[in-house]
């Protein structure tokens, strides 16, 4: 799930999706997906139900606000968002190369 779905999503995008007219606004818009996931994980953690395979309220250690504290948690979330934004910029660059 964590490897094949992203890979095939990118391949599908490269092969089929209309890439004309993409711009910086799209890269910002694409940040809504990780922000929605962040919102879900925060709300889920507030439920107090431990995730079975992690033994934590959080799905990943870098998101474990209880263990990290607020400062490190915010840093990690910020770095993840920057990473997603850089990936979006890379995709915009690829789209520009493909569409000419």
N, C-alpha and C. Protein backbone atom coordinates (compact mmCIF):
# COMPACT_ATOMS: atom_id res chain seq x y z
N UNK A 1 0.82 -1.18 0.00
CA UNK A 1 0.00 0.00 0.00
C UNK A 1 0.87 1.26 0.00
N UNK A 2 1.92 1.27 0.83
CA UNK A 2 2.75 2.47 0.95
C UNK A 2 3.74 2.63 -0.20
N UNK A 3 3.92 1.58 -0.98
CA UNK A 3 4.89 1.65 -2.07
C UNK A 3 4.21 1.57 -3.44
N UNK A 4 3.34 0.60 -3.61
CA UNK A 4 2.74 0.37 -4.92
C UNK A 4 1.70 1.42 -5.29
N UNK A 5 0.85 1.82 -4.36
CA UNK A 5 -0.18 2.81 -4.68
C UNK A 5 0.45 4.13 -5.13
N UNK A 6 1.40 4.69 -4.37
CA UNK A 6 2.02 5.93 -4.87
C UNK A 6 2.73 5.75 -6.21
N UNK A 7 3.42 4.63 -6.38
CA UNK A 7 4.13 4.39 -7.64
C UNK A 7 3.16 4.33 -8.81
N UNK A 8 2.09 3.55 -8.68
CA UNK A 8 1.15 3.43 -9.78
C UNK A 8 0.35 4.72 -10.00
N UNK A 9 0.15 5.49 -8.93
CA UNK A 9 -0.52 6.78 -9.09
C UNK A 9 0.34 7.70 -9.94
N UNK A 10 1.64 7.73 -9.67
CA UNK A 10 2.55 8.56 -10.46
C UNK A 10 2.63 8.08 -11.91
N UNK A 11 2.69 6.77 -12.10
CA UNK A 11 2.74 6.24 -13.46
C UNK A 11 1.47 6.58 -14.24
N UNK A 12 0.33 6.47 -13.58
CA UNK A 12 -0.94 6.81 -14.22
C UNK A 12 -0.95 8.30 -14.59
N UNK A 13 -0.48 9.13 -13.68
CA UNK A 13 -0.43 10.57 -13.93
C UNK A 13 0.47 10.87 -15.13
N UNK A 14 1.63 10.22 -15.17
CA UNK A 14 2.55 10.45 -16.27
C UNK A 14 1.96 10.00 -17.60
N UNK A 15 1.25 8.88 -17.60
CA UNK A 15 0.76 8.29 -18.84
C UNK A 15 -0.54 8.91 -19.34
N UNK A 16 -1.44 9.31 -18.44
CA UNK A 16 -2.80 9.61 -18.86
C UNK A 16 -3.26 11.03 -18.56
N UNK A 17 -2.89 11.56 -17.44
CA UNK A 17 -3.47 12.83 -16.98
C UNK A 17 -3.12 14.00 -17.90
N UNK A 18 -4.06 14.92 -18.01
CA UNK A 18 -3.83 16.16 -18.77
C UNK A 18 -2.96 17.08 -17.92
N UNK A 19 -1.79 17.39 -18.39
CA UNK A 19 -0.83 18.18 -17.62
C UNK A 19 -0.73 19.63 -18.10
N UNK A 20 -1.54 20.00 -19.10
CA UNK A 20 -1.51 21.36 -19.62
C UNK A 20 -2.12 22.33 -18.61
N UNK A 21 -1.52 23.48 -18.45
CA UNK A 21 -2.08 24.53 -17.62
C UNK A 21 -1.80 24.39 -16.13
N UNK A 22 -0.95 23.44 -15.74
CA UNK A 22 -0.64 23.29 -14.32
C UNK A 22 0.29 24.41 -13.89
N UNK A 23 0.08 24.92 -12.68
CA UNK A 23 0.92 26.00 -12.17
C UNK A 23 1.13 25.89 -10.67
N UNK A 24 1.76 26.90 -10.12
CA UNK A 24 2.09 26.91 -8.69
C UNK A 24 0.84 26.76 -7.82
N UNK A 25 -0.26 27.32 -8.25
CA UNK A 25 -1.50 27.19 -7.49
C UNK A 25 -1.91 25.73 -7.32
N UNK A 26 -1.62 24.91 -8.32
CA UNK A 26 -1.94 23.49 -8.21
C UNK A 26 -1.06 22.82 -7.16
N UNK A 27 0.20 23.20 -7.09
CA UNK A 27 1.09 22.63 -6.08
C UNK A 27 0.57 22.96 -4.68
N UNK A 28 0.08 24.18 -4.51
CA UNK A 28 -0.49 24.56 -3.21
C UNK A 28 -1.80 23.81 -2.95
N UNK A 29 -2.61 23.66 -3.97
CA UNK A 29 -3.87 22.93 -3.84
C UNK A 29 -3.63 21.47 -3.45
N UNK A 30 -2.59 20.88 -4.01
CA UNK A 30 -2.28 19.48 -3.71
C UNK A 30 -1.90 19.27 -2.25
N UNK A 31 -1.51 20.34 -1.55
CA UNK A 31 -1.20 20.22 -0.12
C UNK A 31 -2.44 19.91 0.72
N UNK A 32 -3.63 20.08 0.14
CA UNK A 32 -4.85 19.76 0.88
C UNK A 32 -4.93 18.28 1.24
N UNK A 33 -4.34 17.42 0.43
CA UNK A 33 -4.39 15.98 0.72
C UNK A 33 -3.61 15.65 2.00
N UNK A 34 -2.33 16.03 2.13
CA UNK A 34 -1.66 15.73 3.40
C UNK A 34 -2.26 16.50 4.58
N UNK A 35 -2.80 17.69 4.34
CA UNK A 35 -3.45 18.42 5.43
C UNK A 35 -4.73 17.72 5.89
N UNK A 36 -5.46 17.13 4.95
CA UNK A 36 -6.66 16.37 5.31
C UNK A 36 -6.27 15.13 6.12
N UNK A 37 -5.18 14.46 5.70
CA UNK A 37 -4.72 13.29 6.44
C UNK A 37 -4.25 13.69 7.84
N UNK A 38 -3.56 14.80 7.95
CA UNK A 38 -3.13 15.29 9.26
C UNK A 38 -4.34 15.56 10.15
N UNK A 39 -5.35 16.20 9.59
CA UNK A 39 -6.57 16.47 10.36
C UNK A 39 -7.20 15.18 10.84
N UNK A 40 -7.29 14.20 9.96
CA UNK A 40 -7.84 12.89 10.34
C UNK A 40 -7.04 12.26 11.47
N UNK A 41 -5.70 12.25 11.36
CA UNK A 41 -4.89 11.59 12.38
C UNK A 41 -4.99 12.31 13.73
N UNK A 42 -5.06 13.63 13.71
CA UNK A 42 -5.21 14.38 14.97
C UNK A 42 -6.56 14.05 15.61
N UNK A 43 -7.62 14.05 14.82
CA UNK A 43 -8.94 13.72 15.37
C UNK A 43 -8.99 12.28 15.85
N UNK A 44 -8.35 11.38 15.11
CA UNK A 44 -8.33 9.97 15.52
C UNK A 44 -7.56 9.80 16.82
N UNK A 45 -6.44 10.48 16.96
CA UNK A 45 -5.64 10.39 18.19
C UNK A 45 -6.44 10.90 19.38
N UNK A 46 -7.23 11.95 19.15
CA UNK A 46 -8.05 12.50 20.24
C UNK A 46 -9.12 11.53 20.71
N UNK A 47 -9.43 10.52 19.88
CA UNK A 47 -10.43 9.52 20.28
C UNK A 47 -9.92 8.66 21.42
N UNK A 48 -8.58 8.58 21.56
CA UNK A 48 -7.99 7.79 22.63
C UNK A 48 -7.87 6.31 22.32
N UNK A 49 -8.22 5.89 21.13
CA UNK A 49 -8.15 4.48 20.74
C UNK A 49 -6.78 4.21 20.14
N UNK A 50 -6.05 3.28 20.76
CA UNK A 50 -4.70 2.94 20.30
C UNK A 50 -4.78 2.16 19.00
N UNK A 51 -3.88 2.48 18.07
CA UNK A 51 -3.78 1.75 16.80
C UNK A 51 -3.06 0.43 17.10
N UNK A 52 -3.68 -0.67 16.73
CA UNK A 52 -3.18 -1.98 17.12
C UNK A 52 -1.73 -2.24 16.72
N UNK A 53 -1.40 -2.04 15.44
CA UNK A 53 -0.05 -2.40 15.01
C UNK A 53 1.03 -1.39 15.40
N UNK A 54 0.65 -0.20 15.89
CA UNK A 54 1.67 0.75 16.34
C UNK A 54 1.76 0.82 17.85
N UNK A 55 0.69 0.42 18.55
CA UNK A 55 0.67 0.53 20.01
C UNK A 55 0.60 1.98 20.47
N UNK A 56 0.23 2.87 19.56
CA UNK A 56 0.19 4.30 19.83
C UNK A 56 -1.12 4.88 19.32
N UNK A 57 -1.37 6.11 19.70
CA UNK A 57 -2.54 6.81 19.16
C UNK A 57 -2.25 7.34 17.76
N UNK A 58 -0.98 7.32 17.38
CA UNK A 58 -0.53 7.92 16.13
C UNK A 58 -0.03 6.84 15.17
N UNK A 59 -0.25 7.02 13.87
CA UNK A 59 0.14 5.99 12.91
C UNK A 59 1.65 5.88 12.66
N UNK A 60 2.38 6.98 12.87
CA UNK A 60 3.82 6.99 12.61
C UNK A 60 4.53 7.72 13.75
N UNK A 61 5.77 7.30 14.03
CA UNK A 61 6.53 7.89 15.13
C UNK A 61 6.77 9.39 14.92
N UNK A 62 6.98 9.81 13.67
CA UNK A 62 7.24 11.24 13.44
C UNK A 62 6.00 12.10 13.68
N UNK A 63 4.84 11.46 13.81
CA UNK A 63 3.59 12.18 14.08
C UNK A 63 3.14 12.03 15.53
N UNK A 64 3.87 11.31 16.33
CA UNK A 64 3.45 11.02 17.71
C UNK A 64 3.66 12.25 18.60
N UNK A 65 2.64 13.07 18.66
CA UNK A 65 2.73 14.33 19.41
C UNK A 65 2.98 14.09 20.89
N UNK A 66 2.43 13.00 21.42
CA UNK A 66 2.60 12.70 22.84
C UNK A 66 4.06 12.42 23.17
N UNK A 67 4.74 11.69 22.31
CA UNK A 67 6.15 11.35 22.55
C UNK A 67 7.08 12.49 22.18
N UNK A 68 6.74 13.26 21.15
CA UNK A 68 7.64 14.30 20.64
C UNK A 68 7.51 15.63 21.36
N UNK A 69 6.32 15.94 21.82
CA UNK A 69 6.06 17.28 22.32
C UNK A 69 5.63 18.17 21.16
N UNK A 70 5.01 19.27 21.49
CA UNK A 70 4.42 20.12 20.46
C UNK A 70 5.45 20.72 19.51
N UNK A 71 6.58 21.17 20.03
CA UNK A 71 7.59 21.81 19.18
C UNK A 71 8.14 20.88 18.11
N UNK A 72 8.57 19.70 18.51
CA UNK A 72 9.12 18.74 17.54
C UNK A 72 8.04 18.24 16.60
N UNK A 73 6.82 18.09 17.14
CA UNK A 73 5.71 17.65 16.31
C UNK A 73 5.43 18.68 15.21
N UNK A 74 5.38 19.95 15.56
CA UNK A 74 5.16 21.00 14.57
C UNK A 74 6.29 21.05 13.55
N UNK A 75 7.53 20.87 14.02
CA UNK A 75 8.67 20.83 13.10
C UNK A 75 8.52 19.69 12.10
N UNK A 76 8.17 18.51 12.60
CA UNK A 76 8.02 17.35 11.72
C UNK A 76 6.90 17.54 10.71
N UNK A 77 5.78 18.08 11.17
CA UNK A 77 4.66 18.33 10.27
C UNK A 77 5.06 19.37 9.22
N UNK A 78 5.75 20.41 9.64
CA UNK A 78 6.23 21.43 8.70
C UNK A 78 7.18 20.86 7.67
N UNK A 79 8.11 20.02 8.12
CA UNK A 79 9.05 19.39 7.18
C UNK A 79 8.34 18.47 6.21
N UNK A 80 7.35 17.73 6.69
CA UNK A 80 6.58 16.85 5.80
C UNK A 80 5.84 17.67 4.75
N UNK A 81 5.24 18.79 5.16
CA UNK A 81 4.52 19.64 4.21
C UNK A 81 5.48 20.25 3.19
N UNK A 82 6.65 20.66 3.64
CA UNK A 82 7.66 21.18 2.71
C UNK A 82 8.06 20.09 1.72
N UNK A 83 8.24 18.86 2.22
CA UNK A 83 8.58 17.74 1.35
C UNK A 83 7.50 17.48 0.30
N UNK A 84 6.24 17.51 0.72
CA UNK A 84 5.14 17.33 -0.24
C UNK A 84 5.11 18.46 -1.26
N UNK A 85 5.38 19.68 -0.81
CA UNK A 85 5.39 20.82 -1.73
C UNK A 85 6.52 20.69 -2.74
N UNK A 86 7.70 20.27 -2.28
CA UNK A 86 8.83 20.07 -3.20
C UNK A 86 8.53 18.97 -4.21
N UNK A 87 7.87 17.92 -3.76
CA UNK A 87 7.45 16.86 -4.68
C UNK A 87 6.48 17.42 -5.71
N UNK A 88 5.54 18.26 -5.28
CA UNK A 88 4.59 18.88 -6.20
C UNK A 88 5.32 19.74 -7.22
N UNK A 89 6.33 20.49 -6.78
CA UNK A 89 7.12 21.30 -7.72
C UNK A 89 7.86 20.43 -8.72
N UNK A 90 8.38 19.30 -8.25
CA UNK A 90 9.03 18.36 -9.15
C UNK A 90 8.04 17.86 -10.20
N UNK A 91 6.84 17.53 -9.77
CA UNK A 91 5.82 17.07 -10.73
C UNK A 91 5.46 18.16 -11.73
N UNK A 92 5.41 19.40 -11.27
CA UNK A 92 5.15 20.52 -12.18
C UNK A 92 6.28 20.64 -13.21
N UNK A 93 7.50 20.43 -12.75
CA UNK A 93 8.65 20.46 -13.68
C UNK A 93 8.57 19.35 -14.71
N UNK A 94 8.21 18.16 -14.27
CA UNK A 94 8.05 17.03 -15.20
C UNK A 94 6.93 17.34 -16.18
N UNK A 95 5.83 17.89 -15.68
CA UNK A 95 4.71 18.24 -16.56
C UNK A 95 5.13 19.26 -17.60
N UNK A 96 5.94 20.24 -17.20
CA UNK A 96 6.41 21.25 -18.15
C UNK A 96 7.31 20.62 -19.22
N UNK A 97 8.13 19.66 -18.82
CA UNK A 97 8.99 18.98 -19.80
C UNK A 97 8.17 18.15 -20.78
N UNK A 98 7.15 17.49 -20.26
CA UNK A 98 6.33 16.61 -21.12
C UNK A 98 5.49 17.42 -22.08
N UNK A 99 4.91 18.51 -21.60
CA UNK A 99 3.99 19.28 -22.45
C UNK A 99 4.71 20.30 -23.33
N UNK A 100 5.98 20.52 -23.03
CA UNK A 100 6.76 21.43 -23.86
C UNK A 100 6.47 22.82 -23.54
